Protein backbone atom coordinates (compact mmCIF):
# COMPACT_ATOMS: atom_id res chain seq x y z
CA MET A 1 52.39 43.48 4.01
CA PRO A 2 51.24 43.38 7.66
CA GLU A 3 47.97 45.05 8.52
CA GLU A 4 49.73 47.16 11.14
CA VAL A 5 52.34 49.48 9.55
CA LEU A 6 55.26 50.70 11.66
CA LEU A 7 55.84 54.43 11.50
CA SER A 8 58.72 54.37 13.96
CA PRO A 9 61.18 51.68 15.06
CA GLY A 10 59.52 48.71 16.72
CA VAL A 11 58.37 45.13 16.27
CA VAL A 12 55.08 43.77 14.95
CA ALA A 13 54.19 40.20 15.91
CA ILE A 14 52.08 38.67 13.14
CA GLU A 15 49.97 35.60 13.85
CA ASN A 16 49.69 33.18 10.92
CA ASP A 17 47.43 30.21 11.61
CA GLN A 18 48.70 27.27 9.53
CA SER A 19 47.07 24.61 11.65
CA PHE A 20 44.23 23.84 9.27
CA VAL A 21 44.24 20.19 8.32
CA THR A 22 43.86 19.42 4.62
CA GLN A 23 41.36 16.67 3.93
CA GLN A 24 43.12 13.81 2.16
CA PRO A 25 41.36 11.25 -0.04
CA VAL A 26 40.42 7.96 1.56
CA GLN A 27 43.03 5.46 0.34
CA ALA A 28 42.92 1.68 0.33
CA GLY A 29 44.51 -1.16 -1.57
CA ALA A 30 41.17 -2.52 -2.75
CA ALA A 31 37.49 -1.61 -2.70
CA ILE A 32 34.48 -3.87 -2.37
CA ILE A 33 30.79 -3.06 -2.74
CA GLY A 34 28.15 -5.40 -1.36
CA PRO A 35 25.70 -6.29 1.40
CA THR A 36 26.96 -6.76 4.96
CA VAL A 37 25.36 -7.85 8.21
CA LYS A 38 25.67 -4.42 9.81
CA GLY A 39 27.64 -1.19 9.45
CA PRO A 40 27.08 2.29 8.04
CA VAL A 41 24.90 2.20 4.94
CA GLY A 42 26.45 3.58 1.74
CA ILE A 43 29.43 5.19 3.51
CA PRO A 44 32.80 3.92 2.17
CA THR A 45 34.81 2.91 5.22
CA VAL A 46 38.37 1.60 5.48
CA VAL A 47 39.01 -1.60 7.42
CA THR A 48 42.56 -2.74 8.13
CA SER A 49 42.10 -6.37 9.19
CA TYR A 50 39.47 -9.07 9.08
CA SER A 51 38.75 -8.62 12.78
CA ASP A 52 38.26 -4.91 12.10
CA TYR A 53 35.88 -5.85 9.28
CA VAL A 54 33.85 -8.17 11.52
CA SER A 55 33.73 -5.53 14.25
CA LYS A 56 32.32 -2.91 11.85
CA TYR A 57 30.35 -5.03 9.39
CA GLY A 58 29.59 -8.36 11.06
CA ALA A 59 29.98 -11.83 9.56
CA ILE A 60 26.96 -14.17 9.72
CA PHE A 61 23.19 -13.75 9.68
CA LEU A 62 20.06 -15.84 9.76
CA SER A 63 17.73 -16.13 6.78
CA GLY A 64 14.83 -18.39 7.54
CA SER A 65 16.33 -21.15 9.66
CA ASN A 66 19.75 -21.14 7.98
CA THR A 67 22.96 -19.28 8.72
CA TYR A 68 24.71 -17.46 5.87
CA SER A 69 27.62 -15.17 5.12
CA TYR A 70 27.63 -12.56 2.39
CA PHE A 71 30.21 -12.79 -0.39
CA THR A 72 31.52 -9.48 0.96
CA SER A 73 32.59 -11.13 4.22
CA ILE A 74 34.20 -14.14 2.55
CA SER A 75 36.07 -11.86 0.16
CA ALA A 76 37.32 -9.64 3.00
CA TYR A 77 38.59 -12.70 4.86
CA ASN A 78 40.53 -13.99 1.86
CA TYR A 79 41.92 -10.53 1.09
CA PHE A 80 43.42 -10.06 4.54
CA GLN A 81 44.40 -13.73 4.83
CA ASN A 82 46.66 -13.26 1.79
CA GLY A 83 48.44 -10.11 2.90
CA GLY A 84 45.97 -7.33 2.11
CA THR A 85 46.47 -4.30 4.34
CA SER A 86 43.50 -2.01 3.73
CA LEU A 87 40.04 -2.53 2.24
CA LEU A 88 37.46 0.12 1.41
CA VAL A 89 34.04 -1.38 2.15
CA THR A 90 30.74 0.13 0.99
CA ARG A 91 27.58 -1.49 2.33
CA VAL A 92 24.52 -1.76 0.10
CA VAL A 93 21.06 -2.56 1.44
CA SER A 94 17.50 -2.89 0.28
CA GLY A 95 15.09 -0.52 1.97
CA SER A 96 15.48 2.25 4.54
CA PHE A 97 17.90 1.86 7.47
CA THR A 98 18.41 3.96 10.60
CA SER A 99 20.68 3.86 13.66
CA ALA A 100 19.69 2.58 17.11
CA THR A 101 19.55 5.07 20.00
CA SER A 102 20.40 4.56 23.64
CA SER A 103 17.78 3.92 26.29
CA PHE A 104 17.24 6.40 29.15
CA ILE A 105 20.56 7.53 30.70
CA PRO A 106 19.52 8.90 34.11
CA ASP A 107 21.03 12.00 35.69
CA SER A 108 21.76 12.29 39.40
CA GLY A 109 18.17 13.32 39.98
CA SER A 110 17.04 10.29 37.93
CA LEU A 111 14.49 12.52 36.23
CA ASN A 112 16.14 13.41 32.95
CA ASN A 113 17.92 11.71 30.08
CA ALA A 114 21.39 13.21 30.45
CA PHE A 115 22.45 12.56 26.85
CA ILE A 116 21.60 10.30 23.91
CA LEU A 117 23.95 7.99 22.04
CA GLU A 118 23.30 6.37 18.68
CA THR A 119 25.01 3.55 16.87
CA ILE A 120 27.14 4.20 13.82
CA SER A 121 25.93 0.90 12.39
CA GLU A 122 22.39 0.92 10.97
CA GLY A 123 19.54 -1.57 10.87
CA GLU A 124 17.37 -3.64 13.21
CA MET A 125 20.40 -5.81 13.88
CA MET A 126 21.56 -3.06 16.28
CA ASN A 127 18.48 -3.23 18.54
CA SER A 128 19.30 -4.78 21.93
CA THR A 129 16.41 -3.31 23.93
CA SER A 130 14.94 -5.96 26.25
CA THR A 131 14.61 -6.72 29.95
CA GLU A 132 17.71 -8.27 31.48
CA ASN A 133 17.66 -11.93 32.42
CA PRO A 134 18.51 -12.80 36.05
CA ASP A 135 22.12 -13.53 35.00
CA GLY A 136 22.50 -10.06 33.48
CA THR A 137 22.25 -11.12 29.85
CA LEU A 138 19.90 -9.60 27.27
CA PRO A 139 17.43 -11.77 25.33
CA SER A 140 17.95 -9.45 22.36
CA GLY A 141 21.70 -9.11 22.87
CA SER A 142 24.00 -10.37 20.11
CA ALA A 143 27.63 -10.22 19.09
CA ASP A 144 26.65 -7.51 16.61
CA ASN A 145 24.69 -5.07 18.78
CA LEU A 146 25.66 -3.00 21.82
CA ARG A 147 25.01 -2.03 25.44
CA TRP A 148 26.10 1.11 27.30
CA GLN A 149 27.20 1.56 30.91
CA ILE A 150 27.97 4.60 33.08
CA ILE A 151 30.58 4.15 35.81
CA SER A 152 32.61 6.31 38.20
CA PRO A 153 30.54 9.53 38.28
CA ASN A 154 32.28 12.30 40.20
CA LEU A 155 30.14 15.27 41.27
CA ASN A 156 33.22 17.17 42.45
CA THR A 157 34.69 17.27 38.96
CA GLY A 158 31.49 16.81 36.95
CA THR A 159 32.88 13.76 35.13
CA PHE A 160 31.97 10.13 34.51
CA ASN A 161 33.14 7.16 32.42
CA LEU A 162 31.25 5.48 29.59
CA LEU A 163 31.65 1.84 28.59
CA VAL A 164 30.51 0.51 25.22
CA ARG A 165 29.77 -3.19 25.72
CA ARG A 166 28.91 -6.03 23.42
CA GLY A 167 25.23 -6.89 23.35
CA ASN A 168 25.60 -10.57 24.21
CA ASP A 169 27.73 -10.15 27.34
CA SER A 170 26.51 -10.35 30.95
CA THR A 171 26.72 -8.13 34.00
CA LEU A 172 29.11 -10.55 35.71
CA SER A 173 31.26 -11.04 32.59
CA PRO A 174 31.11 -7.81 30.61
CA VAL A 175 32.77 -7.62 27.19
CA ILE A 176 33.98 -4.05 26.96
CA LEU A 177 34.55 -2.82 23.42
CA GLU A 178 35.51 0.76 24.28
CA THR A 179 36.12 2.80 27.43
CA TRP A 180 35.68 6.57 27.39
CA GLY A 181 36.45 8.95 30.22
CA PRO A 182 36.57 10.84 32.29
CA LEU A 183 33.90 12.62 30.24
CA SER A 184 32.17 15.91 30.92
CA LEU A 185 28.92 17.59 29.93
CA ASP A 186 30.67 20.96 30.04
CA PRO A 187 30.98 22.22 26.43
CA PHE A 188 33.91 24.43 27.46
CA SER A 189 35.88 21.47 28.78
CA SER A 190 38.46 19.59 26.73
CA ASN A 191 36.82 16.31 27.74
CA TYR A 192 33.32 17.36 26.70
CA ILE A 193 31.57 14.18 25.60
CA GLU A 194 30.85 15.32 22.05
CA LYS A 195 34.46 16.41 21.54
CA VAL A 196 35.86 13.12 22.82
CA ILE A 197 33.48 10.57 21.28
CA GLY A 198 32.27 12.58 18.27
CA ASN A 199 28.88 13.56 16.91
CA GLN A 200 29.24 13.56 13.14
CA VAL A 201 26.59 11.95 10.95
CA GLU A 202 27.44 10.99 7.37
CA ASN A 203 24.75 10.81 4.70
CA VAL A 204 25.01 10.21 0.97
CA ALA A 205 23.71 13.22 -0.93
CA ASN A 206 23.63 14.02 -4.61
CA ASP A 207 23.72 17.05 -6.85
CA GLY A 208 22.37 15.75 -10.13
CA SER A 209 24.60 12.82 -11.06
CA ASP A 210 27.29 13.82 -8.53
CA TYR A 211 27.18 11.90 -5.26
CA TYR A 212 29.04 12.97 -2.15
CA ILE A 213 29.13 12.51 1.63
CA GLN A 214 27.28 15.24 3.52
CA LEU A 215 28.51 15.76 7.09
CA THR A 216 26.53 17.17 9.99
CA GLY A 217 27.95 17.60 13.46
CA SER A 218 31.01 19.47 14.66
CA TYR A 219 33.22 16.73 16.07
CA THR A 220 34.86 13.85 14.22
CA ASN A 221 33.80 10.42 15.43
CA ALA A 222 36.53 8.80 17.51
CA SER A 223 34.43 5.82 18.52
CA SER A 224 34.09 2.89 16.14
CA TYR A 225 30.65 2.05 17.50
CA VAL A 226 28.68 5.07 18.73
CA ARG A 227 28.34 8.81 18.41
CA VAL A 228 26.65 11.41 20.59
CA LYS A 229 23.28 12.26 19.12
CA GLN A 230 22.27 14.88 21.68
CA VAL A 231 23.36 16.32 25.04
CA ASN A 232 20.26 17.23 27.03
CA LEU A 233 21.91 18.49 30.22
CA ILE A 234 24.93 20.65 29.50
CA THR A 235 26.99 21.96 32.41
CA PRO A 236 28.82 25.06 31.09
CA ASN A 237 31.74 26.05 33.31
CA TYR A 238 30.83 23.34 35.81
CA LEU A 239 33.34 24.59 38.38
CA ASP A 240 33.17 28.11 39.83
CA ASN A 241 36.18 30.38 40.30
CA SER A 242 37.06 28.61 43.52
CA GLY A 243 37.07 25.20 41.84
CA ASN A 244 33.83 24.08 43.41
CA PRO A 245 30.93 22.52 41.44
CA LYS A 246 28.05 24.86 40.76
CA PRO A 247 24.97 23.52 42.61
CA GLN A 248 22.64 23.98 39.63
CA TYR A 249 24.66 21.47 37.59
CA THR A 250 25.47 18.65 40.00
CA ALA A 251 22.14 16.91 39.39
CA SER A 252 22.96 16.74 35.67
CA ILE A 253 25.80 14.23 36.03
CA PRO A 254 24.66 10.69 35.08
CA ILE A 255 24.53 8.06 37.78
CA PRO A 256 25.92 4.49 37.53
CA ALA A 257 23.59 2.63 35.20
CA SER A 258 23.55 0.40 32.15
CA GLY A 259 21.20 0.14 29.24
CA THR A 260 20.54 -0.86 25.68
CA PHE A 261 19.97 0.51 22.19
CA GLY A 262 16.77 0.40 20.18
CA ALA A 263 14.42 1.96 17.63
CA ALA A 264 16.67 1.16 14.64
CA THR A 265 14.88 0.26 11.41
CA GLY A 266 15.87 -1.73 8.35
CA ARG A 267 16.10 -5.48 7.82
CA ASN A 268 18.77 -7.17 5.70
CA ILE A 269 16.21 -9.50 4.10
CA PRO A 270 13.08 -7.38 3.56
CA ASN A 271 11.58 -9.54 0.84
CA GLY A 272 11.72 -13.19 1.86
CA THR A 273 14.74 -15.36 2.43
CA GLY A 274 16.91 -14.30 -0.51
CA ASN A 275 19.15 -16.38 -2.78
CA TYR A 276 22.71 -17.09 -1.65
CA TYR A 277 25.91 -18.76 -2.83
CA GLU A 278 25.35 -20.78 -6.04
CA ASN A 279 21.63 -19.94 -6.00
CA ILE A 280 21.99 -16.21 -6.73
CA SER A 281 20.17 -14.98 -9.79
CA GLY A 282 19.62 -11.80 -11.74
CA ILE A 283 16.34 -11.30 -9.90
CA ASP A 284 17.63 -12.01 -6.40
CA SER A 285 21.31 -11.90 -5.53
CA GLN A 286 21.75 -12.05 -1.72
CA GLY A 287 18.45 -10.19 -1.31
CA ILE A 288 19.74 -6.96 -2.89
CA PRO A 289 18.46 -5.55 -6.21
CA ALA A 290 21.32 -4.70 -8.57
CA ALA A 291 20.10 -1.10 -8.92
CA ASN A 292 20.89 -0.52 -5.24
CA TYR A 293 24.61 -0.66 -6.08
CA THR A 294 24.41 2.33 -8.41
CA GLU A 295 24.61 5.07 -5.79
CA SER A 296 27.71 3.53 -4.21
CA ILE A 297 29.45 3.19 -7.57
CA TYR A 298 28.78 6.85 -8.38
CA LEU A 299 30.07 7.83 -4.95
CA LEU A 300 33.29 5.85 -5.39
CA SER A 301 33.82 7.42 -8.81
CA ASN A 302 35.10 10.57 -7.08
CA LYS A 303 38.83 9.91 -7.35
CA ASP A 304 39.63 13.04 -5.33
CA ALA A 305 37.77 11.51 -2.38
CA TYR A 306 38.55 7.78 -2.78
CA ARG A 307 41.57 5.96 -4.14
CA TYR A 308 41.90 2.21 -4.55
CA ASN A 309 43.80 -0.07 -6.91
CA PHE A 310 40.97 -2.43 -7.85
CA ILE A 311 37.30 -2.90 -7.05
CA THR A 312 34.86 -5.82 -6.92
CA ALA A 313 31.14 -6.33 -6.39
CA PRO A 314 30.80 -10.09 -5.78
CA GLY A 315 27.20 -11.16 -6.28
CA LEU A 316 26.72 -9.11 -9.44
CA VAL A 317 27.02 -11.20 -12.59
CA TYR A 318 27.30 -9.77 -16.08
CA ASP A 319 25.25 -12.32 -17.99
CA PHE A 320 23.07 -15.08 -16.64
CA ASN A 321 21.99 -15.87 -20.22
CA ALA A 322 18.61 -14.60 -19.14
CA PRO A 323 16.73 -11.28 -19.38
CA ASN A 324 17.45 -10.49 -15.74
CA ASN A 325 21.12 -9.74 -15.19
CA HIS A 326 23.40 -7.07 -13.77
CA THR A 327 24.87 -5.84 -17.04
CA THR A 328 23.90 -2.18 -16.57
CA VAL A 329 25.44 -1.88 -13.12
CA LEU A 330 28.65 -3.70 -14.06
CA ASN A 331 28.99 -1.57 -17.19
CA LEU A 332 28.81 1.45 -14.90
CA LEU A 333 31.47 -0.04 -12.62
CA THR A 334 33.90 -0.71 -15.47
CA SER A 335 33.17 2.73 -16.98
CA VAL A 336 34.06 4.41 -13.69
CA CYS A 337 37.40 2.59 -13.61
CA GLN A 338 38.11 3.51 -17.23
CA ASN A 339 37.08 7.16 -16.89
CA ASN A 340 39.11 7.65 -13.71
CA GLY A 341 42.05 5.70 -15.09
CA ASN A 342 43.36 4.80 -11.64
CA SER A 343 41.79 1.42 -10.85
CA MET A 344 40.45 -1.73 -12.48
CA ALA A 345 37.36 -3.85 -11.88
CA ILE A 346 37.25 -7.60 -11.29
CA ILE A 347 33.85 -8.80 -12.45
CA ASP A 348 31.97 -12.08 -12.83
CA THR A 349 30.35 -13.09 -16.10
CA VAL A 350 28.01 -16.01 -15.42
CA GLY A 351 26.19 -17.71 -12.60
CA TYR A 352 26.93 -21.14 -11.21
CA GLY A 353 26.43 -24.05 -13.57
CA ALA A 354 27.34 -22.34 -16.86
CA ASN A 355 29.30 -23.99 -19.68
CA VAL A 356 32.46 -22.78 -21.41
CA LEU A 357 30.74 -21.40 -24.52
CA SER A 358 28.21 -19.40 -22.51
CA VAL A 359 31.05 -17.94 -20.44
CA VAL A 360 32.86 -16.72 -23.54
CA SER A 361 29.71 -15.32 -25.15
CA SER A 362 28.73 -13.48 -21.97
CA VAL A 363 31.54 -10.91 -22.35
CA SER A 364 31.39 -10.45 -26.11
CA ALA A 365 30.14 -6.88 -25.66
CA LEU A 366 32.88 -5.87 -23.21
CA ASN A 367 36.02 -4.17 -24.47
CA THR A 368 38.18 -2.47 -21.85
CA SER A 369 41.61 -2.90 -20.31
CA TYR A 370 40.25 -1.64 -17.00
CA ALA A 371 38.41 -4.88 -16.19
CA ALA A 372 39.22 -8.57 -15.95
CA THR A 373 37.14 -11.66 -15.33
CA TYR A 374 37.88 -15.17 -14.09
CA TRP A 375 36.06 -18.52 -14.28
CA PRO A 376 34.87 -20.98 -12.96
CA TRP A 377 33.18 -20.59 -9.58
CA LEU A 378 35.06 -21.86 -6.54
CA ARG A 379 34.24 -23.70 -3.36
CA THR A 380 35.75 -22.44 -0.14
CA VAL A 381 35.29 -22.77 3.60
CA ASP A 382 33.21 -19.94 5.00
CA PRO A 383 35.42 -18.66 7.87
CA SER A 384 32.38 -17.75 9.97
CA THR A 385 30.20 -20.86 9.60
CA GLY A 386 32.78 -23.51 8.74
CA GLN A 387 30.58 -24.64 5.86
CA GLN A 388 31.85 -25.34 2.35
CA VAL A 389 30.16 -22.85 0.03
CA TRP A 390 30.28 -21.92 -3.65
CA VAL A 391 31.37 -18.38 -4.51
CA PRO A 392 32.01 -16.52 -7.78
CA ALA A 393 35.65 -15.98 -8.68
CA SER A 394 35.56 -12.24 -7.89
CA THR A 395 35.06 -13.18 -4.24
CA MET A 396 38.48 -14.87 -4.15
CA MET A 397 40.50 -12.78 -6.61
CA PRO A 398 41.17 -9.86 -4.21
CA GLY A 399 43.09 -12.38 -2.11
CA VAL A 400 45.13 -13.43 -5.16
CA TYR A 401 45.95 -9.81 -6.01
CA ALA A 402 46.84 -9.12 -2.37
CA PHE A 403 49.18 -12.14 -2.25
CA ASN A 404 50.82 -11.07 -5.51
CA ASP A 405 51.42 -7.55 -4.24
CA ASN A 406 52.62 -8.86 -0.87
CA ILE A 407 55.37 -11.10 -2.24
CA ALA A 408 56.03 -9.26 -5.53
CA ASN A 409 54.69 -6.07 -7.15
CA PRO A 410 51.51 -4.89 -8.89
CA TRP A 411 53.31 -5.19 -12.24
CA ASN A 412 53.85 -8.91 -11.72
CA ALA A 413 51.16 -11.24 -13.03
CA PRO A 414 48.70 -12.42 -10.34
CA ALA A 415 48.68 -15.88 -11.91
CA GLY A 416 50.59 -19.14 -12.14
CA VAL A 417 51.93 -21.54 -9.55
CA ASN A 418 54.11 -18.90 -7.87
CA ARG A 419 51.53 -16.17 -7.29
CA GLY A 420 48.18 -17.52 -8.51
CA VAL A 421 47.45 -20.50 -6.24
CA ILE A 422 44.19 -19.98 -4.35
CA SER A 423 45.08 -21.84 -1.18
CA THR A 424 41.70 -21.21 0.46
CA ALA A 425 39.75 -22.72 -2.46
CA THR A 426 38.94 -26.38 -1.90
CA GLN A 427 37.54 -27.06 -5.35
CA ALA A 428 36.79 -25.42 -8.68
CA GLU A 429 33.36 -25.84 -10.26
CA ARG A 430 34.99 -27.34 -13.37
CA TYR A 431 38.21 -29.30 -13.81
CA LEU A 432 39.33 -27.43 -16.94
CA THR A 433 41.08 -29.23 -19.77
CA GLN A 434 43.77 -27.62 -21.92
CA GLY A 435 41.12 -27.16 -24.60
CA ASN A 436 38.78 -25.43 -22.14
CA ARG A 437 41.56 -23.09 -21.08
CA ASP A 438 42.44 -22.31 -24.71
CA THR A 439 38.82 -21.42 -25.52
CA LEU A 440 38.47 -19.24 -22.43
CA TYR A 441 41.77 -17.41 -22.92
CA GLU A 442 41.03 -16.67 -26.57
CA GLY A 443 37.78 -15.10 -25.32
CA ASN A 444 39.64 -12.97 -22.73
CA ILE A 445 38.39 -15.10 -19.83
CA ASN A 446 41.09 -15.97 -17.32
CA PRO A 447 40.79 -19.69 -16.54
CA ILE A 448 41.14 -21.01 -13.00
CA ALA A 449 42.74 -24.41 -13.43
CA THR A 450 43.21 -27.33 -11.06
CA PHE A 451 46.62 -29.01 -11.07
CA PRO A 452 47.71 -32.15 -9.20
CA ASN A 453 49.98 -31.39 -6.23
CA VAL A 454 49.37 -27.67 -6.75
CA GLY A 455 45.67 -27.07 -6.36
CA VAL A 456 43.29 -24.46 -7.68
CA THR A 457 45.35 -21.93 -9.62
CA VAL A 458 44.66 -18.77 -11.61
CA PHE A 459 46.11 -19.52 -15.03
CA GLY A 460 45.53 -16.38 -17.04
CA GLN A 461 45.97 -12.64 -16.76
CA LYS A 462 44.14 -11.01 -19.65
CA THR A 463 42.09 -7.86 -19.39
CA LEU A 464 38.85 -7.56 -21.36
CA GLN A 465 40.49 -5.43 -24.06
CA LYS A 466 39.87 -7.01 -27.47
CA LYS A 467 42.72 -5.35 -29.38
CA ALA A 468 46.09 -7.01 -28.95
CA SER A 469 48.46 -4.64 -27.16
CA ALA A 470 50.51 -4.49 -23.97
CA LEU A 471 47.37 -3.34 -22.13
CA ASP A 472 45.51 -6.57 -22.80
CA ARG A 473 47.42 -8.00 -19.82
CA VAL A 474 46.53 -7.41 -16.17
CA ASN A 475 50.11 -6.84 -15.03
CA VAL A 476 50.66 -4.05 -17.57
CA ARG A 477 47.34 -2.37 -16.79
CA ARG A 478 48.14 -2.48 -13.06
CA LEU A 479 51.64 -1.12 -13.79
CA LEU A 480 50.11 1.85 -15.59
CA ILE A 481 47.66 2.43 -12.75
CA GLU A 482 50.53 2.39 -10.25
CA LEU A 483 52.62 4.82 -12.31
CA LYS A 484 49.76 7.19 -13.05
CA ASN A 485 48.67 7.34 -9.42
CA TYR A 486 52.17 8.17 -8.21
CA ILE A 487 53.22 10.57 -10.96
CA THR A 488 49.87 12.39 -10.90
CA GLN A 489 50.39 13.14 -7.22
CA ILE A 490 53.74 14.72 -8.10
CA ALA A 491 52.09 16.76 -10.86
CA ASP A 492 49.42 17.96 -8.43
CA THR A 493 52.10 19.89 -6.54
CA LEU A 494 53.00 21.83 -9.70
CA VAL A 495 49.56 23.26 -10.45
CA PHE A 496 49.77 27.09 -10.29
CA GLU A 497 53.56 27.01 -10.08
CA GLN A 498 55.66 29.06 -12.50
CA ASN A 499 56.28 27.32 -15.82
CA THR A 500 60.04 27.64 -15.65
CA VAL A 501 63.06 25.42 -16.07
CA ALA A 502 63.26 25.06 -12.29
CA THR A 503 59.68 23.77 -12.07
CA ARG A 504 60.19 21.32 -14.91
CA ASN A 505 63.44 20.06 -13.39
CA ASN A 506 61.65 19.62 -10.07
CA PHE A 507 59.24 17.25 -11.79
CA LEU A 508 62.02 15.35 -13.56
CA THR A 509 64.13 14.91 -10.43
CA GLN A 510 61.19 13.14 -8.75
CA VAL A 511 59.84 11.10 -11.65
CA ASN A 512 63.06 9.76 -13.17
CA PRO A 513 64.37 8.10 -9.98
CA TYR A 514 60.93 6.59 -9.37
CA LEU A 515 60.74 5.08 -12.86
CA ASN A 516 64.32 3.91 -12.52
CA SER A 517 63.35 2.01 -9.36
CA ILE A 518 60.46 0.37 -11.24
CA GLN A 519 62.88 -0.62 -13.99
CA GLN A 520 65.25 -2.18 -11.46
CA GLN A 521 62.32 -4.22 -10.13
CA ASP A 522 61.58 -5.60 -13.61
CA GLY A 523 58.50 -3.45 -14.20
CA LEU A 524 59.93 -1.64 -17.23
CA PHE A 525 62.39 -2.48 -20.01
CA ALA A 526 63.04 1.20 -20.64
CA PHE A 527 61.54 4.66 -20.12
CA ARG A 528 62.03 8.29 -21.04
CA VAL A 529 60.52 11.46 -19.58
CA VAL A 530 60.46 14.67 -21.61
CA MET A 531 59.48 17.97 -20.02
CA ASP A 532 61.60 20.74 -21.48
CA GLU A 533 61.50 23.51 -24.06
CA THR A 534 60.75 21.04 -26.85
CA ASN A 535 57.22 20.36 -25.58
CA ASN A 536 56.83 23.54 -23.53
CA THR A 537 57.12 26.10 -26.27
CA ALA A 538 56.31 29.78 -25.88
CA THR A 539 52.78 29.11 -27.16
CA VAL A 540 52.24 26.32 -24.63
CA ILE A 541 53.49 28.50 -21.79
CA ASP A 542 51.31 31.42 -22.90
CA ASN A 543 48.31 29.08 -22.74
CA ASN A 544 49.15 28.37 -19.07
CA GLN A 545 50.00 24.78 -19.84
CA LEU A 546 52.79 22.53 -18.61
CA VAL A 547 53.36 19.52 -20.84
CA GLY A 548 55.21 16.33 -20.09
CA ALA A 549 55.65 13.19 -22.18
CA ILE A 550 56.38 9.86 -20.54
CA TYR A 551 57.47 6.97 -22.76
CA LEU A 552 57.30 3.47 -21.29
CA GLN A 553 58.28 -0.01 -22.43
CA PRO A 554 56.56 -2.37 -19.96
CA THR A 555 58.05 -5.78 -19.37
CA LYS A 556 56.05 -8.71 -20.69
CA THR A 557 55.31 -12.02 -19.00
CA ALA A 558 56.29 -15.41 -20.38
CA GLU A 559 52.88 -17.03 -20.87
CA PHE A 560 53.61 -19.38 -23.75
CA ILE A 561 56.69 -21.50 -23.16
CA TYR A 562 57.96 -23.83 -25.88
CA LEU A 563 60.48 -26.53 -25.03
CA THR A 564 62.06 -28.66 -27.73
CA PHE A 565 63.47 -32.03 -26.70
CA ASN A 566 65.90 -33.38 -29.31
CA VAL A 567 66.93 -37.03 -29.22
CA THR A 568 70.19 -37.70 -31.07
CA PRO A 569 72.14 -40.85 -31.97
CA THR A 570 75.00 -41.90 -29.76
CA GLY A 571 78.21 -40.20 -30.70
CA VAL A 572 76.70 -36.93 -31.96
CA SER A 573 78.64 -34.02 -30.55
CA PHE A 574 76.57 -31.37 -28.70
CA GLU A 575 79.18 -28.79 -29.67
């Protein structure tokens, strides 16, 4: 009933604000946790291409006198190279990291710092502060850090433009990453700098064992590189009633100038040079202690905030056959996938140089259909350095899954010569024999074989479930994940609805056609959905429950093919 009640004929106009935007979970095809060159620390961020990844997270770094790439970068490249469309990246670091802030941005009086910007990316990598060379370059400028520039100030309108430039450009040949403007320092203006660029800061917080993103700041970040940290000289209602600038504010508008960013803290390699590629160990894997992954895994366990089909953490290895390994963290990762029920983990079991028996023994304690592992290690060309490097299989498998999903469906096996060839792998660590592959497959390790005229090929699709069932295969587990994710979203719309025939039929009319489409695409042999009075009895309804039963017969893959060649004497009839 309206708050205003009519006592005589008339009209009441009721305002109903339905403009509030509902926050949706961050969704991506895959998730990856690991160290990166730059980027926000611990904040899961979606990238939609490899160039987008490099822009946000960088590609190469120096350790000692050598140039390296993290497994994270190589994995992202292969994922997008093979048809991946979205990747949820979470950066892990060792030590404390902060953002870089802008140098002095002079106002028209050149006495005050008009406003302060800070980089979204964190770490010393973002510091570009240095005196310009005669050619307008910065000694500390790099492809990964930034410069700022103010152009086109207009005292009549109180506006100016802001350029975000790449740190290694020059004054004569600027590389402009973003252009913003005309901007204003007037908080009542639609082009107020904080409103346009954004000022939100994201930090990982926890409440006991629950981790979440805590936001400060009123305006969503529109820039991929910077946010407004502080506006020192606001110009409220810059123009008077006649449209003229108010004299007390004209000196606040920034003048044409350029500058740098500095004061960021945090180094990627705080404790020496680190171990990379085939040299990673349980003690030092890319310079990051395994325990530093824990917070990110807990954060990504919130399935209401983040959704992804599979997750990897290349650089973590389950068993190095030594006291120092990453077993605890990888157990947590697989447990998160199993408890959520909507994703699976691709993990590595051993370091470089292991033998077949040690590979099999390394996973003897694992028993879950929500994880899979592949062996051996692979050599690939690092897209950033051009060097041939050794990487664990989990670095390359997201690309295989992406290719499978791109040309087929998640319920098809990401294996074999049609969908399992790793075209970007130049060599496998071991040339596996049939006997090697038999031993590995019996131990639930998916072998990566090398075939003449074909190349390096994934030749197995088992999960780490020990009990023989349909769910001991990757394609069936991924089918179930796909179905549960979709059907659960339909069920979400029924919470707090009336438990009536109409509500139940609403569910059936959405789910049955969907499952029928999966069946037509060879994902299911048969299915049946029951949500009626047989499983929604009076007692069930009185308990405020709505019950549905979904019966599925997943299709199986032909993994063991037997061909019999019969040689017969001349004259024998084939009839």
